[in-house]
Amino acid sequence: MLLQKIKSWHWVVIVLILLALLDWAIRRPDAPTRQLNAALADKASLQLKDYPYRFEVLRIEGDTAVMSTPRNFDAPAFLMLGKLYPDINVKDHNNPKFIEVERLLGRVQDEAKDIVLAQPGIKSVRWELDRNWLRRQGIEIPEKR
């Protein structure tokens, strides 16, 4: 009787909610990953905490922590820095302000890596491009084939 009273759009909403919960359950980090991210949050300097990009551990593979990064060879730093600092000419690599924000990015990324490497059981860090974050900033990076 109750099933007959539920309209089709209700079913659509129920299915969407269930799919969102399933996606969350699949993507949520495991306990060791959450511990590493908690260590990152606890031990980070004010500079790292205030940085507009949040470095995080995505997963652990053996003794390697896979961490997110907004830059690599496919997505050079000037692309994301241009979004974070629109007043800086990031196309001029000799621009002192560009050099300053590029070095800041390097310092906070190194700090995040060092915090993770200081945790028990982690011997190395591998960086993985954060394509979702880049997409949210309006930066499209083609998938590797």
N, C-alpha and C. Protein backbone atom coordinates (compact mmCIF):
# COMPACT_ATOMS: atom_id res chain seq x y z
N MET A 1 0.82 -1.19 0.00
CA MET A 1 0.00 0.00 0.00
C MET A 1 0.87 1.25 0.00
N LEU A 2 1.90 1.26 0.85
CA LEU A 2 2.79 2.42 0.93
C LEU A 2 3.56 2.61 -0.38
N LEU A 3 3.98 1.52 -0.99
CA LEU A 3 4.73 1.61 -2.24
C LEU A 3 3.90 2.22 -3.36
N GLN A 4 2.61 2.02 -3.34
CA GLN A 4 1.75 2.59 -4.37
C GLN A 4 1.61 4.11 -4.21
N LYS A 5 1.76 4.62 -2.99
CA LYS A 5 1.60 6.04 -2.75
C LYS A 5 2.87 6.84 -3.06
N ILE A 6 4.01 6.16 -3.18
CA ILE A 6 5.25 6.85 -3.48
C ILE A 6 5.29 7.20 -4.96
N LYS A 7 5.46 8.46 -5.23
CA LYS A 7 5.49 8.94 -6.61
C LYS A 7 6.84 8.61 -7.25
N SER A 8 6.88 8.62 -8.56
CA SER A 8 8.11 8.25 -9.26
C SER A 8 9.26 9.19 -8.94
N TRP A 9 8.97 10.48 -8.74
CA TRP A 9 10.07 11.41 -8.44
C TRP A 9 10.65 11.13 -7.06
N HIS A 10 9.82 10.55 -6.15
CA HIS A 10 10.34 10.14 -4.85
C HIS A 10 11.38 9.03 -5.02
N TRP A 11 11.07 8.10 -5.92
CA TRP A 11 12.02 7.01 -6.17
C TRP A 11 13.33 7.54 -6.73
N VAL A 12 13.24 8.54 -7.58
CA VAL A 12 14.45 9.15 -8.15
C VAL A 12 15.29 9.75 -7.04
N VAL A 13 14.65 10.46 -6.12
CA VAL A 13 15.38 11.08 -5.00
C VAL A 13 16.00 10.00 -4.12
N ILE A 14 15.26 8.94 -3.82
CA ILE A 14 15.78 7.84 -2.99
C ILE A 14 16.99 7.20 -3.65
N VAL A 15 16.90 6.93 -4.94
CA VAL A 15 18.02 6.31 -5.67
C VAL A 15 19.23 7.23 -5.68
N LEU A 16 19.02 8.52 -5.89
CA LEU A 16 20.15 9.47 -5.89
C LEU A 16 20.82 9.52 -4.52
N ILE A 17 20.05 9.50 -3.47
CA ILE A 17 20.62 9.51 -2.12
C ILE A 17 21.42 8.23 -1.88
N LEU A 18 20.87 7.09 -2.28
CA LEU A 18 21.58 5.82 -2.12
C LEU A 18 22.88 5.79 -2.94
N LEU A 19 22.84 6.34 -4.14
CA LEU A 19 24.05 6.39 -4.96
C LEU A 19 25.11 7.29 -4.33
N ALA A 20 24.67 8.41 -3.76
CA ALA A 20 25.61 9.32 -3.09
C ALA A 20 26.24 8.62 -1.89
N LEU A 21 25.45 7.90 -1.12
CA LEU A 21 25.99 7.16 0.04
C LEU A 21 26.96 6.07 -0.41
N LEU A 22 26.63 5.37 -1.47
CA LEU A 22 27.52 4.34 -1.99
C LEU A 22 28.84 4.94 -2.46
N ASP A 23 28.77 6.06 -3.17
CA ASP A 23 29.97 6.74 -3.63
C ASP A 23 30.84 7.17 -2.45
N TRP A 24 30.21 7.72 -1.42
CA TRP A 24 30.94 8.13 -0.22
C TRP A 24 31.62 6.92 0.43
N ALA A 25 30.90 5.80 0.54
CA ALA A 25 31.46 4.61 1.18
C ALA A 25 32.65 4.07 0.40
N ILE A 26 32.59 4.16 -0.92
CA ILE A 26 33.69 3.66 -1.74
C ILE A 26 34.90 4.57 -1.65
N ARG A 27 34.68 5.88 -1.64
CA ARG A 27 35.78 6.84 -1.68
C ARG A 27 36.38 7.19 -0.33
N ARG A 28 35.65 6.93 0.75
CA ARG A 28 36.15 7.40 2.04
C ARG A 28 37.48 6.73 2.36
N PRO A 29 38.38 7.48 2.94
CA PRO A 29 39.69 6.93 3.25
C PRO A 29 39.62 5.87 4.34
N ASP A 30 40.55 4.94 4.30
CA ASP A 30 40.63 3.93 5.35
C ASP A 30 41.25 4.56 6.60
N ALA A 31 41.27 3.80 7.70
CA ALA A 31 41.74 4.34 8.99
C ALA A 31 43.18 4.86 8.94
N PRO A 32 44.15 4.11 8.37
CA PRO A 32 45.51 4.65 8.33
C PRO A 32 45.63 5.95 7.51
N THR A 33 44.86 6.04 6.45
CA THR A 33 44.87 7.26 5.64
C THR A 33 44.29 8.42 6.45
N ARG A 34 43.21 8.15 7.17
CA ARG A 34 42.62 9.20 8.02
C ARG A 34 43.61 9.63 9.09
N GLN A 35 44.38 8.68 9.64
CA GLN A 35 45.38 9.04 10.66
C GLN A 35 46.46 9.94 10.07
N LEU A 36 46.91 9.64 8.86
CA LEU A 36 47.92 10.48 8.22
C LEU A 36 47.36 11.88 7.94
N ASN A 37 46.12 11.96 7.50
CA ASN A 37 45.51 13.27 7.25
C ASN A 37 45.32 14.03 8.55
N ALA A 38 45.02 13.31 9.64
CA ALA A 38 44.90 13.97 10.95
C ALA A 38 46.27 14.50 11.39
N ALA A 39 47.33 13.72 11.15
CA ALA A 39 48.68 14.19 11.48
C ALA A 39 49.03 15.43 10.67
N LEU A 40 48.65 15.43 9.40
CA LEU A 40 48.88 16.61 8.56
C LEU A 40 48.16 17.83 9.14
N ALA A 41 46.94 17.66 9.55
CA ALA A 41 46.17 18.78 10.10
C ALA A 41 46.75 19.25 11.43
N ASP A 42 47.19 18.30 12.27
CA ASP A 42 47.69 18.65 13.61
C ASP A 42 49.07 19.30 13.56
N LYS A 43 49.94 18.83 12.69
CA LYS A 43 51.34 19.26 12.71
C LYS A 43 51.66 20.35 11.69
N ALA A 44 50.69 20.71 10.89
CA ALA A 44 50.92 21.72 9.84
C ALA A 44 51.19 23.09 10.44
N SER A 45 52.09 23.80 9.80
CA SER A 45 52.35 25.19 10.20
C SER A 45 51.13 26.03 9.81
N LEU A 46 51.10 27.23 10.32
CA LEU A 46 50.02 28.15 9.96
C LEU A 46 50.04 28.42 8.46
N GLN A 47 51.24 28.49 7.89
CA GLN A 47 51.38 28.74 6.45
C GLN A 47 50.73 27.61 5.64
N LEU A 48 50.96 26.36 6.06
CA LEU A 48 50.36 25.22 5.36
C LEU A 48 48.85 25.20 5.59
N LYS A 49 48.42 25.45 6.81
CA LYS A 49 46.97 25.45 7.11
C LYS A 49 46.24 26.52 6.32
N ASP A 50 46.88 27.67 6.10
CA ASP A 50 46.23 28.78 5.41
C ASP A 50 46.36 28.71 3.89
N TYR A 51 47.14 27.76 3.39
CA TYR A 51 47.35 27.70 1.95
C TYR A 51 46.03 27.34 1.26
N PRO A 52 45.71 27.95 0.11
CA PRO A 52 44.41 27.72 -0.51
C PRO A 52 44.21 26.30 -1.07
N TYR A 53 45.26 25.52 -1.22
CA TYR A 53 45.10 24.13 -1.64
C TYR A 53 45.39 23.24 -0.44
N ARG A 54 44.54 22.24 -0.23
CA ARG A 54 44.71 21.34 0.90
C ARG A 54 45.37 20.04 0.41
N PHE A 55 46.64 19.86 0.79
CA PHE A 55 47.33 18.61 0.48
C PHE A 55 46.77 17.53 1.38
N GLU A 56 46.55 16.34 0.82
CA GLU A 56 46.04 15.25 1.64
C GLU A 56 46.54 13.91 1.13
N VAL A 57 46.50 12.94 2.03
CA VAL A 57 46.86 11.57 1.68
C VAL A 57 45.61 10.93 1.09
N LEU A 58 45.74 10.37 -0.10
CA LEU A 58 44.61 9.74 -0.77
C LEU A 58 44.49 8.27 -0.38
N ARG A 59 45.65 7.62 -0.27
CA ARG A 59 45.66 6.19 0.10
C ARG A 59 47.09 5.80 0.44
N ILE A 60 47.23 4.61 0.97
CA ILE A 60 48.54 4.07 1.31
C ILE A 60 48.74 2.80 0.49
N GLU A 61 49.88 2.71 -0.17
CA GLU A 61 50.24 1.51 -0.94
C GLU A 61 51.54 0.97 -0.37
N GLY A 62 51.44 -0.04 0.48
CA GLY A 62 52.63 -0.58 1.16
C GLY A 62 53.16 0.45 2.14
N ASP A 63 54.41 0.87 1.92
CA ASP A 63 55.00 1.90 2.78
C ASP A 63 55.06 3.26 2.08
N THR A 64 54.25 3.41 1.02
CA THR A 64 54.18 4.66 0.26
C THR A 64 52.84 5.35 0.47
N ALA A 65 52.89 6.61 0.82
CA ALA A 65 51.67 7.42 0.93
C ALA A 65 51.45 8.11 -0.42
N VAL A 66 50.28 7.94 -0.98
CA VAL A 66 49.92 8.62 -2.23
C VAL A 66 49.20 9.90 -1.82
N MET A 67 49.79 11.04 -2.20
CA MET A 67 49.26 12.34 -1.80
C MET A 67 48.77 13.13 -3.01
N SER A 68 47.81 14.00 -2.77
CA SER A 68 47.28 14.85 -3.84
C SER A 68 48.20 16.04 -4.06
N THR A 69 48.24 16.48 -5.31
CA THR A 69 49.01 17.67 -5.68
C THR A 69 48.27 18.40 -6.79
N PRO A 70 48.34 19.73 -6.80
CA PRO A 70 47.69 20.48 -7.88
C PRO A 70 48.59 20.70 -9.09
N ARG A 71 49.79 20.11 -9.08
CA ARG A 71 50.71 20.35 -10.20
C ARG A 71 51.53 19.10 -10.48
N ASN A 72 51.91 18.95 -11.72
CA ASN A 72 52.88 17.95 -12.17
C ASN A 72 53.24 18.31 -13.62
N PHE A 73 53.84 17.39 -14.35
CA PHE A 73 54.25 17.71 -15.72
C PHE A 73 53.05 17.97 -16.61
N ASP A 74 51.91 17.32 -16.34
CA ASP A 74 50.71 17.53 -17.14
C ASP A 74 50.00 18.84 -16.78
N ALA A 75 50.19 19.30 -15.56
CA ALA A 75 49.54 20.52 -15.08
C ALA A 75 50.59 21.39 -14.39
N PRO A 76 51.32 22.20 -15.16
CA PRO A 76 52.37 23.03 -14.57
C PRO A 76 51.80 23.98 -13.50
N ALA A 77 52.66 24.37 -12.59
CA ALA A 77 52.25 25.21 -11.45
C ALA A 77 51.58 26.51 -11.89
N PHE A 78 52.02 27.09 -13.00
CA PHE A 78 51.47 28.39 -13.38
C PHE A 78 49.96 28.31 -13.65
N LEU A 79 49.46 27.13 -14.06
CA LEU A 79 48.02 27.01 -14.32
C LEU A 79 47.21 27.21 -13.04
N MET A 80 47.60 26.50 -11.98
CA MET A 80 46.83 26.62 -10.74
C MET A 80 47.15 27.91 -10.00
N LEU A 81 48.39 28.36 -10.08
CA LEU A 81 48.74 29.62 -9.41
C LEU A 81 48.00 30.80 -10.02
N GLY A 82 47.75 30.73 -11.33
CA GLY A 82 46.98 31.78 -11.99
C GLY A 82 45.55 31.87 -11.47
N LYS A 83 44.99 30.73 -11.08
CA LYS A 83 43.64 30.72 -10.51
C LYS A 83 43.65 31.20 -9.07
N LEU A 84 44.68 30.80 -8.31
CA LEU A 84 44.75 31.19 -6.90
C LEU A 84 45.14 32.65 -6.72
N TYR A 85 45.98 33.14 -7.65
CA TYR A 85 46.49 34.52 -7.56
C TYR A 85 46.24 35.22 -8.89
N PRO A 86 44.99 35.60 -9.18
CA PRO A 86 44.67 36.17 -10.50
C PRO A 86 45.35 37.51 -10.78
N ASP A 87 45.83 38.19 -9.76
CA ASP A 87 46.47 39.50 -9.97
C ASP A 87 47.93 39.38 -10.39
N ILE A 88 48.47 38.17 -10.36
CA ILE A 88 49.88 37.96 -10.69
C ILE A 88 49.99 37.45 -12.13
N ASN A 89 50.93 38.02 -12.87
CA ASN A 89 51.19 37.56 -14.23
C ASN A 89 52.02 36.27 -14.15
N VAL A 90 51.33 35.14 -14.24
CA VAL A 90 52.01 33.86 -14.09
C VAL A 90 52.67 33.39 -15.39
N LYS A 91 52.42 34.10 -16.48
CA LYS A 91 53.06 33.75 -17.76
C LYS A 91 54.48 34.28 -17.82
N ASP A 92 54.79 35.26 -16.98
CA ASP A 92 56.14 35.83 -16.91
C ASP A 92 56.87 35.15 -15.76
N HIS A 93 57.69 34.17 -16.11
CA HIS A 93 58.38 33.38 -15.08
C HIS A 93 59.48 34.15 -14.37
N ASN A 94 59.77 35.37 -14.83
CA ASN A 94 60.75 36.23 -14.16
C ASN A 94 60.07 37.24 -13.22
N ASN A 95 58.75 37.23 -13.21
CA ASN A 95 58.00 38.13 -12.35
C ASN A 95 58.28 37.77 -10.88
N PRO A 96 58.80 38.71 -10.08
CA PRO A 96 59.14 38.40 -8.68
C PRO A 96 57.95 37.87 -7.87
N LYS A 97 56.75 38.37 -8.14
CA LYS A 97 55.58 37.88 -7.40
C LYS A 97 55.26 36.43 -7.79
N PHE A 98 55.43 36.11 -9.07
CA PHE A 98 55.23 34.73 -9.50
C PHE A 98 56.25 33.82 -8.84
N ILE A 99 57.49 34.23 -8.85
CA ILE A 99 58.55 33.44 -8.23
C ILE A 99 58.25 33.21 -6.75
N GLU A 100 57.75 34.24 -6.08
CA GLU A 100 57.42 34.15 -4.66
C GLU A 100 56.31 33.12 -4.40
N VAL A 101 55.21 33.17 -5.18
CA VAL A 101 54.11 32.23 -4.93
C VAL A 101 54.48 30.81 -5.38
N GLU A 102 55.35 30.70 -6.39
CA GLU A 102 55.80 29.37 -6.81
C GLU A 102 56.67 28.74 -5.72
N ARG A 103 57.52 29.53 -5.11
CA ARG A 103 58.36 29.03 -4.01
C ARG A 103 57.51 28.68 -2.79
N LEU A 104 56.49 29.49 -2.53
CA LEU A 104 55.58 29.20 -1.42
C LEU A 104 54.89 27.85 -1.65
N LEU A 105 54.43 27.61 -2.86
CA LEU A 105 53.83 26.32 -3.19
C LEU A 105 54.80 25.18 -2.91
N GLY A 106 56.04 25.35 -3.34
CA GLY A 106 57.06 24.32 -3.09
C GLY A 106 57.30 24.09 -1.61
N ARG A 107 57.34 25.17 -0.84
CA ARG A 107 57.57 25.04 0.62
C ARG A 107 56.44 24.31 1.32
N VAL A 108 55.19 24.68 1.00
CA VAL A 108 54.08 24.03 1.69
C VAL A 108 53.92 22.58 1.24
N GLN A 109 54.22 22.29 -0.02
CA GLN A 109 54.15 20.91 -0.49
C GLN A 109 55.23 20.08 0.18
N ASP A 110 56.44 20.63 0.30
CA ASP A 110 57.52 19.92 1.00
C ASP A 110 57.17 19.70 2.47
N GLU A 111 56.56 20.69 3.10
CA GLU A 111 56.18 20.53 4.51
C GLU A 111 55.16 19.41 4.66
N ALA A 112 54.16 19.37 3.78
CA ALA A 112 53.15 18.31 3.84
C ALA A 112 53.81 16.95 3.67
N LYS A 113 54.72 16.85 2.71
CA LYS A 113 55.43 15.59 2.48
C LYS A 113 56.24 15.19 3.70
N ASP A 114 56.96 16.14 4.28
CA ASP A 114 57.81 15.85 5.45
C ASP A 114 56.99 15.38 6.65
N ILE A 115 55.82 15.97 6.85
CA ILE A 115 54.96 15.55 7.95
C ILE A 115 54.53 14.10 7.75
N VAL A 116 54.15 13.75 6.54
CA VAL A 116 53.70 12.39 6.25
C VAL A 116 54.86 11.40 6.37
N LEU A 117 56.03 11.79 5.85
CA LEU A 117 57.20 10.89 5.93
C LEU A 117 57.66 10.65 7.37
N ALA A 118 57.34 11.57 8.27
CA ALA A 118 57.73 11.41 9.68
C ALA A 118 56.82 10.44 10.43
N GLN A 119 55.75 9.99 9.78
CA GLN A 119 54.82 9.08 10.45
C GLN A 119 55.31 7.64 10.33
N PRO A 120 55.04 6.83 11.36
CA PRO A 120 55.50 5.43 11.34
C PRO A 120 54.94 4.65 10.15
N GLY A 121 55.79 3.85 9.54
CA GLY A 121 55.37 2.98 8.45
C GLY A 121 55.41 3.60 7.08
N ILE A 122 55.70 4.89 6.99
CA ILE A 122 55.73 5.57 5.69
C ILE A 122 57.18 5.86 5.33
N LYS A 123 57.60 5.32 4.19
CA LYS A 123 58.99 5.50 3.75
C LYS A 123 59.10 6.41 2.53
N SER A 124 58.00 6.56 1.79
CA SER A 124 58.05 7.42 0.60
C SER A 124 56.68 8.01 0.32
N VAL A 125 56.70 9.03 -0.53
CA VAL A 125 55.48 9.70 -0.96
C VAL A 125 55.46 9.70 -2.47
N ARG A 126 54.31 9.39 -3.02
CA ARG A 126 54.10 9.50 -4.46
C ARG A 126 52.97 10.50 -4.68
N TRP A 127 53.20 11.43 -5.59
CA TRP A 127 52.22 12.48 -5.84
C TRP A 127 51.27 12.07 -6.94
N GLU A 128 49.98 12.38 -6.74
CA GLU A 128 48.96 12.10 -7.74
C GLU A 128 48.21 13.41 -8.03
N LEU A 129 48.12 13.74 -9.30
CA LEU A 129 47.48 14.99 -9.71
C LEU A 129 46.02 15.02 -9.27
N ASP A 130 45.62 16.10 -8.64
CA ASP A 130 44.26 16.27 -8.15
C ASP A 130 43.41 16.89 -9.26
N ARG A 131 42.99 16.04 -10.18
CA ARG A 131 42.23 16.49 -11.34
C ARG A 131 40.88 17.08 -10.95
N ASN A 132 40.25 16.54 -9.91
CA ASN A 132 38.96 17.07 -9.47
C ASN A 132 39.10 18.50 -8.98
N TRP A 133 40.12 18.78 -8.19
CA TRP A 133 40.34 20.13 -7.69
C TRP A 133 40.60 21.08 -8.86
N LEU A 134 41.44 20.64 -9.80
CA LEU A 134 41.75 21.47 -10.96
C LEU A 134 40.48 21.76 -11.77
N ARG A 135 39.63 20.73 -11.95
CA ARG A 135 38.38 20.92 -12.68
C ARG A 135 37.49 21.95 -11.99
N ARG A 136 37.44 21.85 -10.64
CA ARG A 136 36.61 22.82 -9.89
C ARG A 136 37.15 24.24 -10.04
N GLN A 137 38.43 24.39 -10.35
CA GLN A 137 39.03 25.71 -10.56
C GLN A 137 38.89 26.16 -12.01
N GLY A 138 38.31 25.31 -12.84
CA GLY A 138 38.14 25.66 -14.25
C GLY A 138 39.33 25.29 -15.11
N ILE A 139 40.18 24.40 -14.61
CA ILE A 139 41.37 23.97 -15.36
C ILE A 139 41.14 22.54 -15.83
N GLU A 140 41.04 22.37 -17.13
CA GLU A 140 40.82 21.04 -17.70
C GLU A 140 42.16 20.46 -18.16
N ILE A 141 42.49 19.30 -17.64
CA ILE A 141 43.71 18.60 -18.02
C ILE A 141 43.28 17.32 -18.73
N PRO A 142 43.73 17.11 -19.97
CA PRO A 142 43.34 15.89 -20.68
C PRO A 142 43.84 14.64 -19.93
N GLU A 143 43.02 13.60 -19.95
CA GLU A 143 43.40 12.33 -19.34
C GLU A 143 44.55 11.72 -20.13
N LYS A 144 45.46 11.05 -19.41
CA LYS A 144 46.55 10.35 -20.10
C LYS A 144 45.99 9.11 -20.77
N ARG A 145 46.56 8.78 -21.90
CA ARG A 145 46.10 7.58 -22.63
C ARG A 145 47.16 6.52 -22.60
